[in-house]
Amino acid sequence: IVAPDYRLSVKSPYPAGLEDCYEVLLWMK
């Protein structure tokens, strides 16, 4: 299991968190 410390919306609004998750998915691949 890989769990990212994705950016939270209070400091970094959408799509920052989603982009972080995608970066980690590609890193896993």
PDB file of all heavy atoms in Angstrom:
ATOM      1  N   ILE A   1       0.845  -1.194   0.000  1.00  0.00           N
ATOM      2  CA  ILE A   1       0.000   0.000   0.000  1.00  0.00           C
ATOM      3  C   ILE A   1       0.876   1.238   0.000  1.00  0.00           C
ATOM      4  O   ILE A   1       1.818   1.363   0.798  1.00  0.00           O
ATOM      5  CB  ILE A   1      -0.940   0.017   1.233  1.00  0.00           C
ATOM      6  CG1 ILE A   1      -2.006  -1.075   1.115  1.00  0.00           C
ATOM      7  CG2 ILE A   1      -1.632   1.358   1.360  1.00  0.00           C
ATOM      8  CD1 ILE A   1      -1.620  -2.374   1.713  1.00  0.00           C
ATOM      9  N   VAL A   2       0.571   2.150  -0.894  1.00  0.00           N
ATOM     10  CA  VAL A   2       1.269   3.434  -0.970  1.00  0.00           C
ATOM     11  C   VAL A   2       0.257   4.531  -0.644  1.00  0.00           C
ATOM     12  O   VAL A   2      -0.800   4.616  -1.269  1.00  0.00           O
ATOM     13  CB  VAL A   2       1.869   3.653  -2.371  1.00  0.00           C
ATOM     14  CG1 VAL A   2       2.510   5.029  -2.468  1.00  0.00           C
ATOM     15  CG2 VAL A   2       2.891   2.554  -2.700  1.00  0.00           C
ATOM     16  N   ALA A   3       0.579   5.353   0.348  1.00  0.00           N
ATOM     17  CA  ALA A   3      -0.336   6.409   0.791  1.00  0.00           C
ATOM     18  C   ALA A   3       0.358   7.760   0.688  1.00  0.00           C
ATOM     19  O   ALA A   3       1.356   7.999   1.368  1.00  0.00           O
ATOM     20  CB  ALA A   3      -0.775   6.154   2.234  1.00  0.00           C
ATOM     21  N   PRO A   4      -0.147   8.645  -0.180  1.00  0.00           N
ATOM     22  CA  PRO A   4       0.513   9.943  -0.367  1.00  0.00           C
ATOM     23  C   PRO A   4       0.041  11.000   0.627  1.00  0.00           C
ATOM     24  O   PRO A   4      -1.103  11.002   1.067  1.00  0.00           O
ATOM     25  CB  PRO A   4       0.092  10.327  -1.789  1.00  0.00           C
ATOM     26  CG  PRO A   4      -1.263   9.706  -1.959  1.00  0.00           C
ATOM     27  CD  PRO A   4      -1.238   8.431  -1.148  1.00  0.00           C
ATOM     28  N   ASP A   5       0.940  11.897   0.947  1.00  0.00           N
ATOM     29  CA  ASP A   5       0.615  13.069   1.763  1.00  0.00           C
ATOM     30  C   ASP A   5       0.195  14.181   0.800  1.00  0.00           C
ATOM     31  O   ASP A   5       0.870  15.194   0.655  1.00  0.00           O
ATOM     32  CB  ASP A   5       1.846  13.477   2.571  1.00  0.00           C
ATOM     33  CG  ASP A   5       1.514  14.459   3.679  1.00  0.00           C
ATOM     34  OD1 ASP A   5       0.309  14.710   3.905  1.00  0.00           O
ATOM     35  OD2 ASP A   5       2.447  14.979   4.316  1.00  0.00           O
ATOM     36  N   TYR A   6      -0.949  13.943   0.143  1.00  0.00           N
ATOM     37  CA  TYR A   6      -1.397  14.863  -0.900  1.00  0.00           C
ATOM     38  C   TYR A   6      -1.729  16.246  -0.319  1.00  0.00           C
ATOM     39  O   TYR A   6      -2.089  16.375   0.851  1.00  0.00           O
ATOM     40  CB  TYR A   6      -2.596  14.291  -1.659  1.00  0.00           C
ATOM     41  CG  TYR A   6      -3.846  14.052  -0.836  1.00  0.00           C
ATOM     42  CD1 TYR A   6      -4.736  15.078  -0.547  1.00  0.00           C
ATOM     43  CD2 TYR A   6      -4.166  12.780  -0.366  1.00  0.00           C
ATOM     44  CE1 TYR A   6      -5.891  14.869   0.188  1.00  0.00           C
ATOM     45  CE2 TYR A   6      -5.321  12.552   0.376  1.00  0.00           C
ATOM     46  CZ  TYR A   6      -6.179  13.598   0.648  1.00  0.00           C
ATOM     47  OH  TYR A   6      -7.324  13.388   1.386  1.00  0.00           O
ATOM     48  N   ARG A   7      -1.613  17.258  -1.147  1.00  0.00           N
ATOM     49  CA  ARG A   7      -1.869  18.634  -0.695  1.00  0.00           C
ATOM     50  C   ARG A   7      -3.339  18.814  -0.321  1.00  0.00           C
ATOM     51  O   ARG A   7      -4.234  18.329  -1.011  1.00  0.00           O
ATOM     52  CB  ARG A   7      -1.470  19.631  -1.782  1.00  0.00           C
ATOM     53  CG  ARG A   7       0.027  19.808  -1.936  1.00  0.00           C
ATOM     54  CD  ARG A   7       0.390  20.640  -3.141  1.00  0.00           C
ATOM     55  NE  ARG A   7       0.140  19.906  -4.396  1.00  0.00           N
ATOM     56  CZ  ARG A   7       0.382  20.403  -5.606  1.00  0.00           C
ATOM     57  NH1 ARG A   7       0.844  21.639  -5.729  1.00  0.00           N
ATOM     58  NH2 ARG A   7       0.141  19.675  -6.678  1.00  0.00           N
ATOM     59  N   LEU A   8      -3.564  19.511   0.771  1.00  0.00           N
ATOM     60  CA  LEU A   8      -4.911  19.723   1.294  1.00  0.00           C
ATOM     61  C   LEU A   8      -5.488  21.033   0.774  1.00  0.00           C
ATOM     62  O   LEU A   8      -4.764  21.996   0.511  1.00  0.00           O
ATOM     63  CB  LEU A   8      -4.879  19.716   2.818  1.00  0.00           C
ATOM     64  CG  LEU A   8      -4.310  18.428   3.443  1.00  0.00           C
ATOM     65  CD1 LEU A   8      -4.157  18.588   4.951  1.00  0.00           C
ATOM     66  CD2 LEU A   8      -5.178  17.218   3.108  1.00  0.00           C
ATOM     67  N   SER A   9      -6.809  21.064   0.652  1.00  0.00           N
ATOM     68  CA  SER A   9      -7.466  22.173  -0.046  1.00  0.00           C
ATOM     69  C   SER A   9      -7.379  23.508   0.690  1.00  0.00           C
ATOM     70  O   SER A   9      -7.539  24.556   0.075  1.00  0.00           O
ATOM     71  CB  SER A   9      -8.938  21.821  -0.297  1.00  0.00           C
ATOM     72  OG  SER A   9      -9.625  21.658   0.936  1.00  0.00           O
ATOM     73  N   VAL A  10      -7.142  23.468   2.001  1.00  0.00           N
ATOM     74  CA  VAL A  10      -7.055  24.727   2.752  1.00  0.00           C
ATOM     75  C   VAL A  10      -5.902  25.584   2.224  1.00  0.00           C
ATOM     76  O   VAL A  10      -6.024  26.801   2.092  1.00  0.00           O
ATOM     77  CB  VAL A  10      -6.868  24.437   4.255  1.00  0.00           C
ATOM     78  CG1 VAL A  10      -6.643  25.730   5.015  1.00  0.00           C
ATOM     79  CG2 VAL A  10      -8.087  23.721   4.811  1.00  0.00           C
ATOM     80  N   LYS A  11      -4.792  24.931   1.904  1.00  0.00           N
ATOM     81  CA  LYS A  11      -3.635  25.660   1.395  1.00  0.00           C
ATOM     82  C   LYS A  11      -3.516  25.564  -0.124  1.00  0.00           C
ATOM     83  O   LYS A  11      -3.022  26.499  -0.765  1.00  0.00           O
ATOM     84  CB  LYS A  11      -2.357  25.117   2.039  1.00  0.00           C
ATOM     85  CG  LYS A  11      -2.221  25.433   3.520  1.00  0.00           C
ATOM     86  CD  LYS A  11      -0.887  24.938   4.048  1.00  0.00           C
ATOM     87  CE  LYS A  11      -0.716  25.296   5.523  1.00  0.00           C
ATOM     88  NZ  LYS A  11       0.581  24.783   6.063  1.00  0.00           N
ATOM     89  N   SER A  12      -3.939  24.436  -0.680  1.00  0.00           N
ATOM     90  CA  SER A  12      -3.756  24.210  -2.122  1.00  0.00           C
ATOM     91  C   SER A  12      -5.059  23.699  -2.722  1.00  0.00           C
ATOM     92  O   SER A  12      -5.318  22.492  -2.692  1.00  0.00           O
ATOM     93  CB  SER A  12      -2.634  23.191  -2.359  1.00  0.00           C
ATOM     94  OG  SER A  12      -1.437  23.610  -1.749  1.00  0.00           O
ATOM     95  N   PRO A  13      -5.896  24.592  -3.237  1.00  0.00           N
ATOM     96  CA  PRO A  13      -7.203  24.186  -3.779  1.00  0.00           C
ATOM     97  C   PRO A  13      -7.077  23.221  -4.954  1.00  0.00           C
ATOM     98  O   PRO A  13      -5.998  23.050  -5.543  1.00  0.00           O
ATOM     99  CB  PRO A  13      -7.832  25.518  -4.217  1.00  0.00           C
ATOM    100  CG  PRO A  13      -7.099  26.569  -3.459  1.00  0.00           C
ATOM    101  CD  PRO A  13      -5.700  26.045  -3.293  1.00  0.00           C
ATOM    102  N   TYR A  14      -8.212  22.601  -5.287  1.00  0.00           N
ATOM    103  CA  TYR A  14      -8.309  21.720  -6.452  1.00  0.00           C
ATOM    104  C   TYR A  14      -7.708  22.401  -7.673  1.00  0.00           C
ATOM    105  O   TYR A  14      -7.879  23.607  -7.833  1.00  0.00           O
ATOM    106  CB  TYR A  14      -9.796  21.420  -6.705  1.00  0.00           C
ATOM    107  CG  TYR A  14     -10.083  20.667  -7.979  1.00  0.00           C
ATOM    108  CD1 TYR A  14     -10.051  19.290  -8.009  1.00  0.00           C
ATOM    109  CD2 TYR A  14     -10.368  21.360  -9.160  1.00  0.00           C
ATOM    110  CE1 TYR A  14     -10.299  18.603  -9.190  1.00  0.00           C
ATOM    111  CE2 TYR A  14     -10.608  20.681 -10.339  1.00  0.00           C
ATOM    112  CZ  TYR A  14     -10.571  19.304 -10.350  1.00  0.00           C
ATOM    113  OH  TYR A  14     -10.807  18.635 -11.510  1.00  0.00           O
ATOM    114  N   PRO A  15      -6.959  21.680  -8.495  1.00  0.00           N
ATOM    115  CA  PRO A  15      -6.776  20.213  -8.520  1.00  0.00           C
ATOM    116  C   PRO A  15      -5.483  19.724  -7.878  1.00  0.00           C
ATOM    117  O   PRO A  15      -4.985  18.654  -8.241  1.00  0.00           O
ATOM    118  CB  PRO A  15      -6.762  19.934 -10.020  1.00  0.00           C
ATOM    119  CG  PRO A  15      -6.048  21.125 -10.592  1.00  0.00           C
ATOM    120  CD  PRO A  15      -6.459  22.304  -9.738  1.00  0.00           C
ATOM    121  N   ALA A  16      -4.916  20.468  -6.926  1.00  0.00           N
ATOM    122  CA  ALA A  16      -3.599  20.128  -6.370  1.00  0.00           C
ATOM    123  C   ALA A  16      -3.576  18.714  -5.791  1.00  0.00           C
ATOM    124  O   ALA A  16      -2.667  17.925  -6.076  1.00  0.00           O
ATOM    125  CB  ALA A  16      -3.210  21.144  -5.307  1.00  0.00           C
ATOM    126  N   GLY A  17      -4.577  18.382  -4.957  1.00  0.00           N
ATOM    127  CA  GLY A  17      -4.602  17.059  -4.338  1.00  0.00           C
ATOM    128  C   GLY A  17      -4.721  15.945  -5.359  1.00  0.00           C
ATOM    129  O   GLY A  17      -4.039  14.916  -5.271  1.00  0.00           O
ATOM    130  N   LEU A  18      -5.582  16.136  -6.341  1.00  0.00           N
ATOM    131  CA  LEU A  18      -5.769  15.145  -7.396  1.00  0.00           C
ATOM    132  C   LEU A  18      -4.479  14.965  -8.199  1.00  0.00           C
ATOM    133  O   LEU A  18      -4.085  13.837  -8.530  1.00  0.00           O
ATOM    134  CB  LEU A  18      -6.910  15.568  -8.305  1.00  0.00           C
ATOM    135  CG  LEU A  18      -7.195  14.685  -9.531  1.00  0.00           C
ATOM    136  CD1 LEU A  18      -7.566  13.275  -9.105  1.00  0.00           C
ATOM    137  CD2 LEU A  18      -8.304  15.305 -10.385  1.00  0.00           C
ATOM    138  N   GLU A  19      -3.808  16.049  -8.507  1.00  0.00           N
ATOM    139  CA  GLU A  19      -2.564  15.974  -9.268  1.00  0.00           C
ATOM    140  C   GLU A  19      -1.493  15.221  -8.486  1.00  0.00           C
ATOM    141  O   GLU A  19      -0.713  14.445  -9.058  1.00  0.00           O
ATOM    142  CB  GLU A  19      -2.081  17.385  -9.619  1.00  0.00           C
ATOM    143  CG  GLU A  19      -2.961  18.073 -10.662  1.00  0.00           C
ATOM    144  CD  GLU A  19      -2.569  19.522 -10.897  1.00  0.00           C
ATOM    145  OE1 GLU A  19      -1.823  20.083 -10.058  1.00  0.00           O
ATOM    146  OE2 GLU A  19      -3.009  20.095 -11.919  1.00  0.00           O
ATOM    147  N   ASP A  20      -1.455  15.427  -7.159  1.00  0.00           N
ATOM    148  CA  ASP A  20      -0.501  14.686  -6.330  1.00  0.00           C
ATOM    149  C   ASP A  20      -0.774  13.191  -6.406  1.00  0.00           C
ATOM    150  O   ASP A  20       0.150  12.380  -6.534  1.00  0.00           O
ATOM    151  CB  ASP A  20      -0.594  15.150  -4.878  1.00  0.00           C
ATOM    152  CG  ASP A  20       0.108  16.473  -4.637  1.00  0.00           C
ATOM    153  OD1 ASP A  20       0.793  16.968  -5.558  1.00  0.00           O
ATOM    154  OD2 ASP A  20      -0.034  17.021  -3.530  1.00  0.00           O
ATOM    155  N   CYS A  21      -2.039  12.815  -6.302  1.00  0.00           N
ATOM    156  CA  CYS A  21      -2.410  11.399  -6.351  1.00  0.00           C
ATOM    157  C   CYS A  21      -2.007  10.786  -7.692  1.00  0.00           C
ATOM    158  O   CYS A  21      -1.527   9.645  -7.746  1.00  0.00           O
ATOM    159  CB  CYS A  21      -3.912  11.228  -6.103  1.00  0.00           C
ATOM    160  SG  CYS A  21      -4.448  11.782  -4.472  1.00  0.00           S
ATOM    161  N   TYR A  22      -2.177  11.546  -8.759  1.00  0.00           N
ATOM    162  CA  TYR A  22      -1.820  11.039 -10.083  1.00  0.00           C
ATOM    163  C   TYR A  22      -0.305  10.886 -10.212  1.00  0.00           C
ATOM    164  O   TYR A  22       0.182   9.903 -10.789  1.00  0.00           O
ATOM    165  CB  TYR A  22      -2.351  11.984 -11.159  1.00  0.00           C
ATOM    166  CG  TYR A  22      -2.152  11.471 -12.563  1.00  0.00           C
ATOM    167  CD1 TYR A  22      -2.825  10.331 -13.005  1.00  0.00           C
ATOM    168  CD2 TYR A  22      -1.284  12.110 -13.438  1.00  0.00           C
ATOM    169  CE1 TYR A  22      -2.637   9.851 -14.292  1.00  0.00           C
ATOM    170  CE2 TYR A  22      -1.099  11.635 -14.731  1.00  0.00           C
ATOM    171  CZ  TYR A  22      -1.770  10.508 -15.146  1.00  0.00           C
ATOM    172  OH  TYR A  22      -1.580  10.020 -16.424  1.00  0.00           O
ATOM    173  N   GLU A  23       0.444  11.835  -9.656  1.00  0.00           N
ATOM    174  CA  GLU A  23       1.900  11.737  -9.678  1.00  0.00           C
ATOM    175  C   GLU A  23       2.363  10.454  -8.983  1.00  0.00           C
ATOM    176  O   GLU A  23       3.276   9.762  -9.457  1.00  0.00           O
ATOM    177  CB  GLU A  23       2.527  12.952  -8.982  1.00  0.00           C
ATOM    178  CG  GLU A  23       2.423  14.255  -9.745  1.00  0.00           C
ATOM    179  CD  GLU A  23       3.415  14.352 -10.898  1.00  0.00           C
ATOM    180  OE1 GLU A  23       4.313  13.496 -10.994  1.00  0.00           O
ATOM    181  OE2 GLU A  23       3.275  15.287 -11.703  1.00  0.00           O
ATOM    182  N   VAL A  24       1.728  10.139  -7.861  1.00  0.00           N
ATOM    183  CA  VAL A  24       2.124   8.944  -7.104  1.00  0.00           C
ATOM    184  C   VAL A  24       1.722   7.680  -7.851  1.00  0.00           C
ATOM    185  O   VAL A  24       2.452   6.681  -7.847  1.00  0.00           O
ATOM    186  CB  VAL A  24       1.516   8.975  -5.688  1.00  0.00           C
ATOM    187  CG1 VAL A  24       1.883   7.707  -4.911  1.00  0.00           C
ATOM    188  CG2 VAL A  24       2.004  10.203  -4.926  1.00  0.00           C
ATOM    189  N   LEU A  25       0.578   7.702  -8.514  1.00  0.00           N
ATOM    190  CA  LEU A  25       0.160   6.542  -9.309  1.00  0.00           C
ATOM    191  C   LEU A  25       1.187   6.259 -10.413  1.00  0.00           C
ATOM    192  O   LEU A  25       1.591   5.099 -10.614  1.00  0.00           O
ATOM    193  CB  LEU A  25      -1.213   6.792  -9.923  1.00  0.00           C
ATOM    194  CG  LEU A  25      -1.761   5.658 -10.795  1.00  0.00           C
ATOM    195  CD1 LEU A  25      -2.164   4.464  -9.937  1.00  0.00           C
ATOM    196  CD2 LEU A  25      -2.956   6.140 -11.625  1.00  0.00           C
ATOM    197  N   LEU A  26       1.628   7.294 -11.104  1.00  0.00           N
ATOM    198  CA  LEU A  26       2.638   7.111 -12.150  1.00  0.00           C
ATOM    199  C   LEU A  26       3.956   6.645 -11.550  1.00  0.00           C
ATOM    200  O   LEU A  26       4.659   5.815 -12.143  1.00  0.00           O
ATOM    201  CB  LEU A  26       2.844   8.419 -12.920  1.00  0.00           C
ATOM    202  CG  LEU A  26       1.670   8.913 -13.772  1.00  0.00           C
ATOM    203  CD1 LEU A  26       2.071  10.188 -14.511  1.00  0.00           C
ATOM    204  CD2 LEU A  26       1.208   7.855 -14.771  1.00  0.00           C
ATOM    205  N   TRP A  27       4.293   7.166 -10.371  1.00  0.00           N
ATOM    206  CA  TRP A  27       5.514   6.727  -9.690  1.00  0.00           C
ATOM    207  C   TRP A  27       5.432   5.249  -9.362  1.00  0.00           C
ATOM    208  O   TRP A  27       6.415   4.506  -9.526  1.00  0.00           O
ATOM    209  CB  TRP A  27       5.712   7.565  -8.425  1.00  0.00           C
ATOM    210  CG  TRP A  27       6.936   7.193  -7.643  1.00  0.00           C
ATOM    211  CD1 TRP A  27       8.200   7.650  -7.840  1.00  0.00           C
ATOM    212  CD2 TRP A  27       7.005   6.278  -6.540  1.00  0.00           C
ATOM    213  NE1 TRP A  27       9.059   7.083  -6.933  1.00  0.00           N
ATOM    214  CE2 TRP A  27       8.349   6.242  -6.123  1.00  0.00           C
ATOM    215  CE3 TRP A  27       6.060   5.508  -5.866  1.00  0.00           C
ATOM    216  CZ2 TRP A  27       8.784   5.446  -5.055  1.00  0.00           C
ATOM    217  CZ3 TRP A  27       6.479   4.707  -4.813  1.00  0.00           C
ATOM    218  CH2 TRP A  27       7.826   4.682  -4.405  1.00  0.00           C
ATOM    219  N   MET A  28       4.274   4.788  -8.906  1.00  0.00           N
ATOM    220  CA  MET A  28       4.091   3.363  -8.617  1.00  0.00           C
ATOM    221  C   MET A  28       4.285   2.525  -9.879  1.00  0.00           C
ATOM    222  O   MET A  28       4.946   1.479  -9.852  1.00  0.00           O
ATOM    223  CB  MET A  28       2.696   3.112  -8.037  1.00  0.00           C
ATOM    224  CG  MET A  28       2.503   3.630  -6.626  1.00  0.00           C
ATOM    225  SD  MET A  28       0.783   3.450  -6.066  1.00  0.00           S
ATOM    226  CE  MET A  28       0.603   1.651  -6.014  1.00  0.00           C
ATOM    227  N   LYS A  29       3.718   2.986 -10.974  1.00  0.00           N
ATOM    228  CA  LYS A  29       3.850   2.253 -12.232  1.00  0.00           C
ATOM    229  C   LYS A  29       5.311   2.180 -12.666  1.00  0.00           C
ATOM    230  O   LYS A  29       5.802   1.114 -13.063  1.00  0.00           O
ATOM    231  CB  LYS A  29       3.013   2.938 -13.316  1.00  0.00           C
ATOM    232  CG  LYS A  29       3.150   2.287 -14.689  1.00  0.00           C
ATOM    233  CD  LYS A  29       2.467   3.102 -15.769  1.00  0.00           C
ATOM    234  CE  LYS A  29       2.740   2.512 -17.152  1.00  0.00           C
ATOM    235  NZ  LYS A  29       2.156   3.329 -18.234  1.00  0.00           N
TER     236      LYS A  29
END
